[in-house]
Amino acid sequence: MDSIVVTGGSELHGEIPIAGAKNACLTLMPATILSEEPLTLTNAPRLSDIKTMTQLLESLGAEAASMQDGQVLTMSSHDLDNHVADYDIVRKMRASNLVLGPMLARLGHAVVSLPGGCAIGARPMDLHIHGLEKLGAEIELKDGYLHAKAPRGLKGAEIELAFASVGATENILMASTLAKGTTVIRNAAREPEIVDLADCLRKMGAQIEGDGTSEIVIQGVDRLHGATHPVVTDRIELGTYMLAPAIAGGEVECLGGKISLVESFCEKLDAAGIHVEETAKGLKVARRNGRVSAVDVTTEPFPGFPTDLQAQMMAMLCTAEGTSTLHETIFENRFMHAPELMRMGANIEVHGGTATVHGVEKLKGAPVMATDLRASVSLILAGLAAEGETVVSRVYHLDRGYEKVVRKLSSIGAKVERVKE
């Protein structure tokens, strides 16, 4: 099993290219099920989760090919011959449940295992099920599998989500494109990944309005055709690398970044004393002077502060001047990185969904263990500012969401390497 070794104390200078969004790509890939014609995605990230989704689609009978070192994916679902998404694949990744809506819409039936992924909360399927049932699906849970069918086809409906769930919005949106009549999704998620999916579906012939707002209207069509679509920039990778110079010092330009993708995050950086400037090539980030200032953070659905940047933000606030409070409102169990940061000398108190971080002047390198995807990169960031050597173990989590992290950080002056244990 690999570890990542970080030696702190180096300022960071240079440019980092930001990959296409993992969460967007994992949503776009199942859209190929909706059409018999090929769907090509450009700017695809090269991650293990993308390989897992490819395996899942191929297990259903789709064909997939990658080009340009994996950054171009072409998929074709002209001959789907299996309607069962098996546990052995689905358990590896939460996003696997996104084949449910497209399979129901295209095939009229689907059997999908309950999904897996990071251990940061239950993340139940009830909102997905409720929305698809409103469209006319009949869904039963048996032996850990969702058995879904639409014997009379899917029909447009008005659906009010109890929570602005990204996954439920995506599943219902894809299913609605081939439903008869008009579907209205209220309290829909507004994330850039939703807008990216809607853009792709429109290129395939779908009729969608209102994406990016809390109400999306879909007019069902008889069929969708093929398309070519670029995956949107990964706002979570963007925010992660923006924090690197904020933590370690220096100035870094994140290529492809836009403030509109991370506006609420930028507001917190500004309050902490981090300068962010939008350039022709991306976002330039530098600490203004001295230690960063403490700020309070509450995670919220987009356009609020992203839960997927909470761990990385905590790493920065460990050495801030003053006391910060982080409220996690999206997922339970998402402070598992806090005890590991405390091994490095951080002063953190956790009570339920709230973490209080009392800033210290310095962190010290220590052996730490990654507990999930975002926690793993937060420990690497913390290591950039720590005295001495930090060894982060169980970094297989990292490969699910960050491509070439060691190469990218090394290119801007970080002392980081990946080693075999």
Protein backbone atom coordinates (compact mmCIF):
# COMPACT_ATOMS: atom_id res chain seq x y z
CA MET A 1 0.00 0.00 0.00
CA ASP A 2 1.36 3.43 -0.95
CA SER A 3 2.06 6.40 1.29
CA ILE A 4 2.72 10.04 0.47
CA VAL A 5 5.63 11.74 2.22
CA VAL A 6 5.49 15.52 2.57
CA THR A 7 8.38 17.66 3.82
CA GLY A 8 7.04 21.06 4.85
CA GLY A 9 8.54 24.52 4.73
CA SER A 10 8.73 25.31 1.00
CA GLU A 11 6.90 28.24 -0.55
CA LEU A 12 4.96 27.38 -3.71
CA HIS A 13 5.25 29.20 -7.04
CA GLY A 14 4.04 28.36 -10.53
CA GLU A 15 1.01 27.02 -12.38
CA ILE A 16 -1.23 24.01 -11.80
CA PRO A 17 -3.61 22.75 -14.51
CA ILE A 18 -7.02 21.87 -13.05
CA ALA A 19 -8.64 18.69 -14.37
CA GLY A 20 -12.19 18.11 -15.52
CA ALA A 21 -14.64 17.56 -12.68
CA LYS A 22 -14.83 14.03 -11.32
CA ASN A 23 -18.41 14.50 -10.08
CA ALA A 24 -19.49 15.96 -13.42
CA CYS A 25 -17.84 13.22 -15.48
CA LEU A 26 -19.35 10.46 -13.33
CA THR A 27 -22.76 12.01 -14.01
CA LEU A 28 -22.22 12.53 -17.73
CA MET A 29 -21.04 8.97 -18.37
CA PRO A 30 -24.39 7.28 -17.51
CA ALA A 31 -26.11 9.70 -19.91
CA THR A 32 -24.77 7.51 -22.72
CA ILE A 33 -27.41 4.93 -21.72
CA LEU A 34 -30.12 7.35 -22.88
CA SER A 35 -29.10 7.10 -26.56
CA GLU A 36 -28.13 4.42 -29.07
CA GLU A 37 -25.59 6.85 -30.56
CA PRO A 38 -22.09 7.54 -29.17
CA LEU A 39 -21.39 10.12 -26.47
CA THR A 40 -17.86 11.58 -26.39
CA LEU A 41 -16.53 13.45 -23.35
CA THR A 42 -13.43 15.62 -23.56
CA ASN A 43 -11.40 17.02 -20.62
CA ALA A 44 -12.17 13.85 -18.66
CA PRO A 45 -10.18 13.37 -15.44
CA ARG A 46 -7.91 10.33 -15.19
CA LEU A 47 -9.10 8.76 -11.96
CA SER A 48 -9.92 5.35 -10.56
CA ASP A 49 -13.59 6.31 -10.16
CA ILE A 50 -13.79 6.98 -13.91
CA LYS A 51 -12.41 3.49 -14.54
CA THR A 52 -15.00 2.04 -12.16
CA MET A 53 -17.86 3.79 -13.96
CA THR A 54 -16.45 2.54 -17.29
CA GLN A 55 -16.46 -1.02 -15.92
CA LEU A 56 -20.07 -0.59 -14.78
CA LEU A 57 -21.23 0.69 -18.18
CA GLU A 58 -19.38 -2.12 -19.95
CA SER A 59 -21.02 -4.67 -17.64
CA LEU A 60 -24.39 -3.38 -18.90
CA GLY A 61 -23.34 -3.91 -22.51
CA ALA A 62 -22.01 -0.45 -23.38
CA GLU A 63 -18.78 0.00 -25.30
CA ALA A 64 -16.16 2.46 -24.08
CA ALA A 65 -12.83 3.66 -25.41
CA SER A 66 -10.36 6.24 -24.09
CA MET A 67 -7.95 8.38 -26.11
CA GLN A 68 -5.40 11.13 -25.51
CA ASP A 69 -4.10 9.51 -22.32
CA GLY A 70 -7.62 9.06 -20.98
CA GLN A 71 -8.76 12.66 -21.39
CA VAL A 72 -11.21 11.74 -24.17
CA LEU A 73 -13.87 9.09 -23.49
CA THR A 74 -16.18 7.73 -26.17
CA MET A 75 -19.09 5.52 -25.07
CA SER A 76 -21.81 3.77 -27.03
CA SER A 77 -24.91 2.07 -25.64
CA HIS A 78 -26.37 0.87 -28.93
CA ASP A 79 -26.65 -2.72 -27.71
CA LEU A 80 -27.34 -2.90 -23.96
CA ASP A 81 -27.77 -6.56 -23.04
CA ASN A 82 -27.84 -6.46 -19.24
CA HIS A 83 -30.09 -4.54 -16.86
CA VAL A 84 -28.38 -5.51 -13.57
CA ALA A 85 -25.82 -3.17 -11.98
CA ASP A 86 -23.98 -5.66 -9.81
CA TYR A 87 -22.89 -5.11 -6.22
CA ASP A 88 -19.26 -6.03 -6.93
CA ILE A 89 -18.90 -2.88 -9.05
CA VAL A 90 -21.49 -0.56 -7.49
CA ARG A 91 -20.10 -1.00 -3.95
CA LYS A 92 -16.89 0.78 -4.97
CA MET A 93 -18.49 4.11 -5.77
CA ARG A 94 -21.55 6.12 -4.74
CA ALA A 95 -22.12 7.59 -8.21
CA SER A 96 -22.95 4.13 -9.59
CA ASN A 97 -26.58 4.75 -8.63
CA LEU A 98 -26.80 7.25 -11.49
CA VAL A 99 -27.40 4.43 -13.99
CA LEU A 100 -30.84 3.86 -12.42
CA GLY A 101 -32.72 6.76 -14.04
CA PRO A 102 -31.25 6.34 -17.55
CA MET A 103 -31.86 2.57 -17.54
CA LEU A 104 -35.48 3.03 -16.49
CA ALA A 105 -36.00 5.67 -19.19
CA ARG A 106 -34.33 3.72 -21.99
CA LEU A 107 -35.06 0.07 -21.09
CA GLY A 108 -38.11 0.34 -18.85
CA HIS A 109 -36.48 -1.77 -16.13
CA ALA A 110 -33.35 -1.90 -14.00
CA VAL A 111 -31.86 -3.78 -11.06
CA VAL A 112 -29.27 -1.68 -9.24
CA SER A 113 -27.34 -2.58 -6.11
CA LEU A 114 -27.37 -0.10 -3.26
CA PRO A 115 -24.12 1.86 -3.70
CA GLY A 116 -20.94 2.28 -1.69
CA GLY A 117 -18.17 4.90 -1.60
CA CYS A 118 -16.53 6.91 1.17
CA ALA A 119 -17.66 6.25 4.74
CA ILE A 120 -18.85 9.79 5.44
CA GLY A 121 -22.54 9.21 5.99
CA ALA A 122 -25.54 7.16 4.96
CA ARG A 123 -26.48 9.21 1.88
CA PRO A 124 -29.74 7.29 1.37
CA MET A 125 -31.52 6.67 -1.95
CA ASP A 126 -34.99 7.71 -0.76
CA LEU A 127 -35.07 10.99 -2.73
CA HIS A 128 -34.05 9.18 -5.92
CA ILE A 129 -36.74 6.56 -5.39
CA HIS A 130 -39.47 9.09 -4.56
CA GLY A 131 -38.75 11.15 -7.68
CA LEU A 132 -38.62 8.16 -10.03
CA GLU A 133 -41.83 6.77 -8.52
CA LYS A 134 -43.52 10.11 -9.24
CA LEU A 135 -42.53 9.55 -12.88
CA GLY A 136 -44.34 6.21 -12.85
CA ALA A 137 -41.62 3.77 -11.81
CA GLU A 138 -42.35 0.87 -9.49
CA ILE A 139 -39.38 0.25 -7.19
CA GLU A 140 -38.85 -2.48 -4.62
CA LEU A 141 -35.84 -3.14 -2.40
CA LYS A 142 -34.90 -6.84 -2.25
CA ASP A 143 -31.65 -8.35 -0.96
CA GLY A 144 -29.72 -5.09 -1.23
CA TYR A 145 -30.87 -4.35 -4.78
CA LEU A 146 -33.36 -1.82 -6.10
CA HIS A 147 -35.68 -3.62 -8.53
CA ALA A 148 -37.23 -0.91 -10.71
CA LYS A 149 -39.62 -1.10 -13.62
CA ALA A 150 -41.85 1.25 -15.58
CA PRO A 151 -44.45 -1.05 -17.17
CA ARG A 152 -46.41 1.85 -18.67
CA GLY A 153 -43.35 3.98 -19.39
CA LEU A 154 -42.26 7.11 -17.55
CA LYS A 155 -44.58 10.11 -17.52
CA GLY A 156 -43.83 13.71 -16.65
CA ALA A 157 -44.68 14.85 -13.13
CA GLU A 158 -44.15 17.65 -10.64
CA ILE A 159 -41.52 16.58 -8.12
CA GLU A 160 -40.62 18.48 -4.95
CA LEU A 161 -37.35 17.34 -3.40
CA ALA A 162 -37.25 17.42 0.41
CA PHE A 163 -33.57 18.28 0.16
CA ALA A 164 -31.65 19.77 -2.78
CA SER A 165 -29.86 16.48 -3.45
CA VAL A 166 -27.37 16.56 -6.32
CA GLY A 167 -27.63 12.84 -7.06
CA ALA A 168 -31.43 12.75 -6.94
CA THR A 169 -31.64 15.82 -9.20
CA GLU A 170 -29.29 14.17 -11.69
CA ASN A 171 -31.09 10.82 -11.71
CA ILE A 172 -34.53 12.40 -12.11
CA LEU A 173 -33.27 14.87 -14.72
CA MET A 174 -31.84 12.11 -16.92
CA ALA A 175 -34.93 9.91 -16.57
CA SER A 176 -37.24 12.83 -17.40
CA THR A 177 -35.61 13.52 -20.77
CA LEU A 178 -37.35 10.47 -22.26
CA ALA A 179 -40.55 10.64 -20.18
CA LYS A 180 -43.86 11.52 -21.82
CA GLY A 181 -44.89 15.10 -21.14
CA THR A 182 -43.44 17.76 -18.85
CA THR A 183 -41.51 17.22 -15.64
CA VAL A 184 -40.85 19.95 -13.09
CA ILE A 185 -38.18 19.39 -10.42
CA ARG A 186 -38.58 21.82 -7.52
CA ASN A 187 -35.92 22.44 -4.88
CA ALA A 188 -33.48 21.08 -7.44
CA ALA A 189 -29.76 21.15 -6.78
CA ARG A 190 -28.01 24.09 -8.44
CA GLU A 191 -24.40 22.85 -8.64
CA PRO A 192 -22.28 23.54 -11.74
CA GLU A 193 -22.26 19.78 -12.34
CA ILE A 194 -26.07 19.92 -12.79
CA VAL A 195 -25.70 22.71 -15.36
CA ASP A 196 -22.97 20.73 -17.12
CA LEU A 197 -25.21 17.65 -17.31
CA ALA A 198 -28.10 19.73 -18.67
CA ASP A 199 -25.81 21.29 -21.29
CA CYS A 200 -24.72 17.83 -22.42
CA LEU A 201 -28.29 16.50 -22.52
CA ARG A 202 -29.38 19.51 -24.60
CA LYS A 203 -26.62 18.68 -27.09
CA MET A 204 -28.16 15.19 -27.23
CA GLY A 205 -31.56 16.68 -28.07
CA ALA A 206 -33.17 17.06 -24.64
CA GLN A 207 -35.45 20.01 -23.88
CA ILE A 208 -34.41 21.43 -20.50
CA GLU A 209 -34.84 24.86 -18.92
CA GLY A 210 -34.00 26.30 -15.51
CA ASP A 211 -30.84 24.34 -14.67
CA GLY A 212 -28.73 26.36 -12.25
CA THR A 213 -31.92 27.47 -10.45
CA SER A 214 -34.08 25.66 -7.91
CA GLU A 215 -36.71 24.77 -10.55
CA ILE A 216 -35.85 22.70 -13.62
CA VAL A 217 -38.42 22.05 -16.36
CA ILE A 218 -37.96 19.12 -18.76
CA GLN A 219 -40.11 18.45 -21.80
CA GLY A 220 -39.71 14.78 -22.67
CA VAL A 221 -38.66 13.75 -26.18
CA ASP A 222 -38.94 10.42 -28.01
CA ARG A 223 -35.21 9.86 -28.43
CA LEU A 224 -31.80 11.39 -27.83
CA HIS A 225 -28.85 11.36 -30.23
CA GLY A 226 -25.08 11.35 -29.78
CA ALA A 227 -22.95 14.37 -28.88
CA THR A 228 -19.48 15.61 -27.94
CA HIS A 229 -19.15 17.54 -24.68
CA PRO A 230 -16.26 18.96 -22.59
CA VAL A 231 -16.36 18.14 -18.86
CA VAL A 232 -16.54 21.28 -16.69
CA THR A 233 -13.51 22.27 -14.56
CA ASP A 234 -13.35 20.46 -11.21
CA ARG A 235 -14.25 23.11 -8.64
CA ILE A 236 -13.17 20.85 -5.76
CA GLU A 237 -9.71 20.22 -7.20
CA LEU A 238 -9.58 23.95 -7.97
CA GLY A 239 -10.38 24.89 -4.37
CA THR A 240 -7.93 22.31 -3.04
CA TYR A 241 -4.98 23.69 -5.01
CA MET A 242 -6.00 27.27 -4.23
CA LEU A 243 -5.42 26.39 -0.57
CA ALA A 244 -1.87 25.15 -1.19
CA PRO A 245 -0.23 28.64 -1.38
CA ALA A 246 -2.64 29.86 1.29
CA ILE A 247 -1.20 27.22 3.63
CA ALA A 248 2.44 27.10 2.52
CA GLY A 249 2.97 30.64 1.21
CA GLY A 250 3.91 31.77 -2.28
CA GLU A 251 1.76 32.45 -5.36
CA VAL A 252 0.11 29.86 -7.58
CA GLU A 253 -2.05 30.19 -10.70
CA CYS A 254 -4.72 27.50 -11.08
CA LEU A 255 -5.25 27.10 -14.82
CA GLY A 256 -8.85 26.85 -15.99
CA GLY A 257 -10.27 28.17 -12.73
CA LYS A 258 -13.16 30.63 -12.55
CA ILE A 259 -14.46 32.51 -9.51
CA SER A 260 -18.04 31.63 -10.51
CA LEU A 261 -17.28 27.97 -9.72
CA VAL A 262 -16.07 28.71 -6.16
CA GLU A 263 -17.54 32.10 -5.26
CA SER A 264 -18.59 31.35 -1.66
CA PHE A 265 -15.22 29.64 -1.08
CA CYS A 266 -13.40 32.73 -2.42
CA GLU A 267 -15.35 34.93 -0.02
CA LYS A 268 -14.02 32.90 2.93
CA LEU A 269 -10.48 33.03 1.53
CA ASP A 270 -10.73 36.80 1.25
CA ALA A 271 -11.90 37.06 4.86
CA ALA A 272 -8.95 34.88 5.91
CA GLY A 273 -6.46 37.16 4.15
CA ILE A 274 -5.97 35.31 0.88
CA HIS A 275 -5.88 37.27 -2.38
CA VAL A 276 -7.62 35.65 -5.37
CA GLU A 277 -7.38 37.23 -8.80
CA GLU A 278 -9.10 36.01 -11.96
CA THR A 279 -6.72 36.06 -14.93
CA ALA A 280 -6.97 35.15 -18.59
CA LYS A 281 -5.67 31.67 -17.76
CA GLY A 282 -7.37 30.95 -14.44
CA LEU A 283 -7.14 32.05 -10.80
CA LYS A 284 -4.00 33.45 -9.16
CA VAL A 285 -3.82 32.89 -5.41
CA ALA A 286 -1.46 34.32 -2.76
CA ARG A 287 -1.49 34.95 0.99
CA ARG A 288 -1.54 38.69 1.67
CA ASN A 289 0.87 38.81 4.63
CA GLY A 290 1.65 36.89 7.80
CA ARG A 291 -0.65 34.24 9.24
CA VAL A 292 -4.12 33.77 7.83
CA SER A 293 -7.06 34.93 9.92
CA ALA A 294 -9.66 32.67 11.52
CA VAL A 295 -13.03 32.43 9.76
CA ASP A 296 -16.27 30.56 10.43
CA VAL A 297 -17.54 28.14 7.78
CA THR A 298 -20.90 26.42 7.30
CA THR A 299 -21.20 23.84 4.54
CA GLU A 300 -24.28 24.26 2.35
CA PRO A 301 -25.59 23.12 -1.03
CA PHE A 302 -24.36 25.20 -3.96
CA PRO A 303 -23.93 28.16 -4.11
CA GLY A 304 -22.91 27.82 -0.46
CA PHE A 305 -19.57 26.58 0.86
CA PRO A 306 -18.90 23.06 -0.53
CA THR A 307 -18.80 20.16 1.90
CA ASP A 308 -16.05 18.67 -0.30
CA LEU A 309 -13.73 21.57 0.64
CA GLN A 310 -14.40 21.48 4.38
CA ALA A 311 -11.50 19.16 5.28
CA GLN A 312 -9.01 21.16 3.20
CA MET A 313 -10.26 24.44 4.73
CA MET A 314 -9.80 22.96 8.21
CA ALA A 315 -6.19 22.18 7.35
CA MET A 316 -5.57 25.84 6.54
CA LEU A 317 -7.38 27.09 9.65
CA CYS A 318 -5.21 24.92 11.91
CA THR A 319 -2.48 27.61 11.69
CA ALA A 320 -4.81 30.63 11.47
CA GLU A 321 -4.67 33.47 13.97
CA GLY A 322 -7.70 33.07 16.24
CA THR A 323 -10.48 30.51 16.60
CA SER A 324 -12.55 29.19 13.69
CA THR A 325 -15.78 27.21 13.74
CA LEU A 326 -16.78 24.77 11.02
CA HIS A 327 -20.39 23.55 10.84
CA GLU A 328 -20.94 20.46 8.68
CA THR A 329 -24.58 20.32 7.54
CA ILE A 330 -24.40 17.97 4.55
CA PHE A 331 -22.86 14.68 5.75
CA GLU A 332 -22.43 13.14 9.17
CA ASN A 333 -19.08 11.56 10.09
CA ARG A 334 -17.16 14.13 8.06
CA PHE A 335 -14.68 15.25 10.69
CA MET A 336 -12.65 12.01 10.68
CA HIS A 337 -9.61 14.00 9.54
CA ALA A 338 -9.66 16.10 12.74
CA PRO A 339 -7.93 13.49 14.98
CA GLU A 340 -5.24 13.04 12.32
CA LEU A 341 -4.63 16.81 12.14
CA MET A 342 -4.39 16.78 15.94
CA ARG A 343 -1.54 14.26 15.65
CA MET A 344 0.28 17.06 13.82
CA GLY A 345 -0.28 19.49 16.69
CA ALA A 346 -3.61 21.04 15.67
CA ASN A 347 -5.97 22.16 18.44
CA ILE A 348 -9.44 20.98 17.38
CA GLU A 349 -12.60 20.18 19.35
CA VAL A 350 -15.41 18.25 17.66
CA HIS A 351 -18.97 18.12 18.98
CA GLY A 352 -21.44 16.48 16.63
CA GLY A 353 -21.59 18.46 13.40
CA THR A 354 -19.39 21.31 14.69
CA ALA A 355 -15.61 21.55 14.84
CA THR A 356 -13.85 24.36 16.69
CA VAL A 357 -10.31 25.03 15.51
CA HIS A 358 -7.98 27.06 17.74
CA GLY A 359 -5.15 28.18 15.50
CA VAL A 360 -1.58 27.27 16.44
CA GLU A 361 1.60 28.88 15.13
CA LYS A 362 3.07 25.69 13.67
CA LEU A 363 2.10 22.14 12.81
CA LYS A 364 4.64 19.34 13.15
CA GLY A 365 5.11 16.46 10.76
CA ALA A 366 3.74 13.11 11.93
CA PRO A 367 2.54 9.74 10.60
CA VAL A 368 -1.17 10.14 9.77
CA MET A 369 -3.84 8.04 8.09
CA ALA A 370 -6.30 9.08 5.37
CA THR A 371 -9.91 8.14 6.17
CA ASP A 372 -11.63 9.30 2.99
CA LEU A 373 -10.95 11.13 -0.28
CA ARG A 374 -11.03 14.75 0.91
CA ALA A 375 -9.41 13.92 4.26
CA SER A 376 -6.44 12.44 2.43
CA VAL A 377 -5.67 15.62 0.53
CA SER A 378 -6.27 17.79 3.62
CA LEU A 379 -3.46 15.93 5.40
CA ILE A 380 -1.14 16.49 2.44
CA LEU A 381 -1.97 20.22 2.52
CA ALA A 382 -1.33 20.34 6.26
CA GLY A 383 2.02 18.65 5.66
CA LEU A 384 3.06 21.50 3.34
CA ALA A 385 3.10 23.88 6.30
CA ALA A 386 4.32 21.48 8.98
CA GLU A 387 7.84 21.33 10.38
CA GLY A 388 9.57 18.16 9.33
CA GLU A 389 8.14 15.12 7.58
CA THR A 390 4.51 14.03 7.33
CA VAL A 391 3.73 10.50 6.14
CA VAL A 392 0.15 10.03 4.90
CA SER A 393 -0.87 6.37 4.67
CA ARG A 394 -3.91 4.73 3.01
CA VAL A 395 -3.73 7.18 0.10
CA TYR A 396 -5.67 4.87 -2.22
CA HIS A 397 -8.59 7.17 -1.40
CA LEU A 398 -6.68 9.94 -3.17
CA ASP A 399 -6.69 8.18 -6.53
CA ARG A 400 -10.48 8.35 -6.63
CA GLY A 401 -10.54 12.14 -6.87
CA TYR A 402 -7.13 13.69 -7.67
CA GLU A 403 -5.06 12.90 -10.74
CA LYS A 404 -1.26 13.19 -10.54
CA VAL A 405 -1.36 15.05 -7.21
CA VAL A 406 2.34 14.44 -6.46
CA ARG A 407 3.40 15.65 -9.91
CA LYS A 408 1.21 18.76 -9.68
CA LEU A 409 2.41 19.78 -6.23
CA SER A 410 6.05 19.00 -7.05
CA SER A 411 5.82 21.21 -10.14
CA ILE A 412 5.18 24.28 -7.95
CA GLY A 413 7.96 23.55 -5.47
CA ALA A 414 6.40 21.25 -2.89
CA LYS A 415 8.60 18.50 -1.45
CA VAL A 416 6.27 15.54 -1.84
CA GLU A 417 6.74 11.98 -3.04
CA ARG A 418 4.78 8.76 -3.24
CA VAL A 419 6.44 5.68 -1.78
CA LYS A 420 5.64 1.99 -1.53
CA GLU A 421 5.22 0.73 2.02
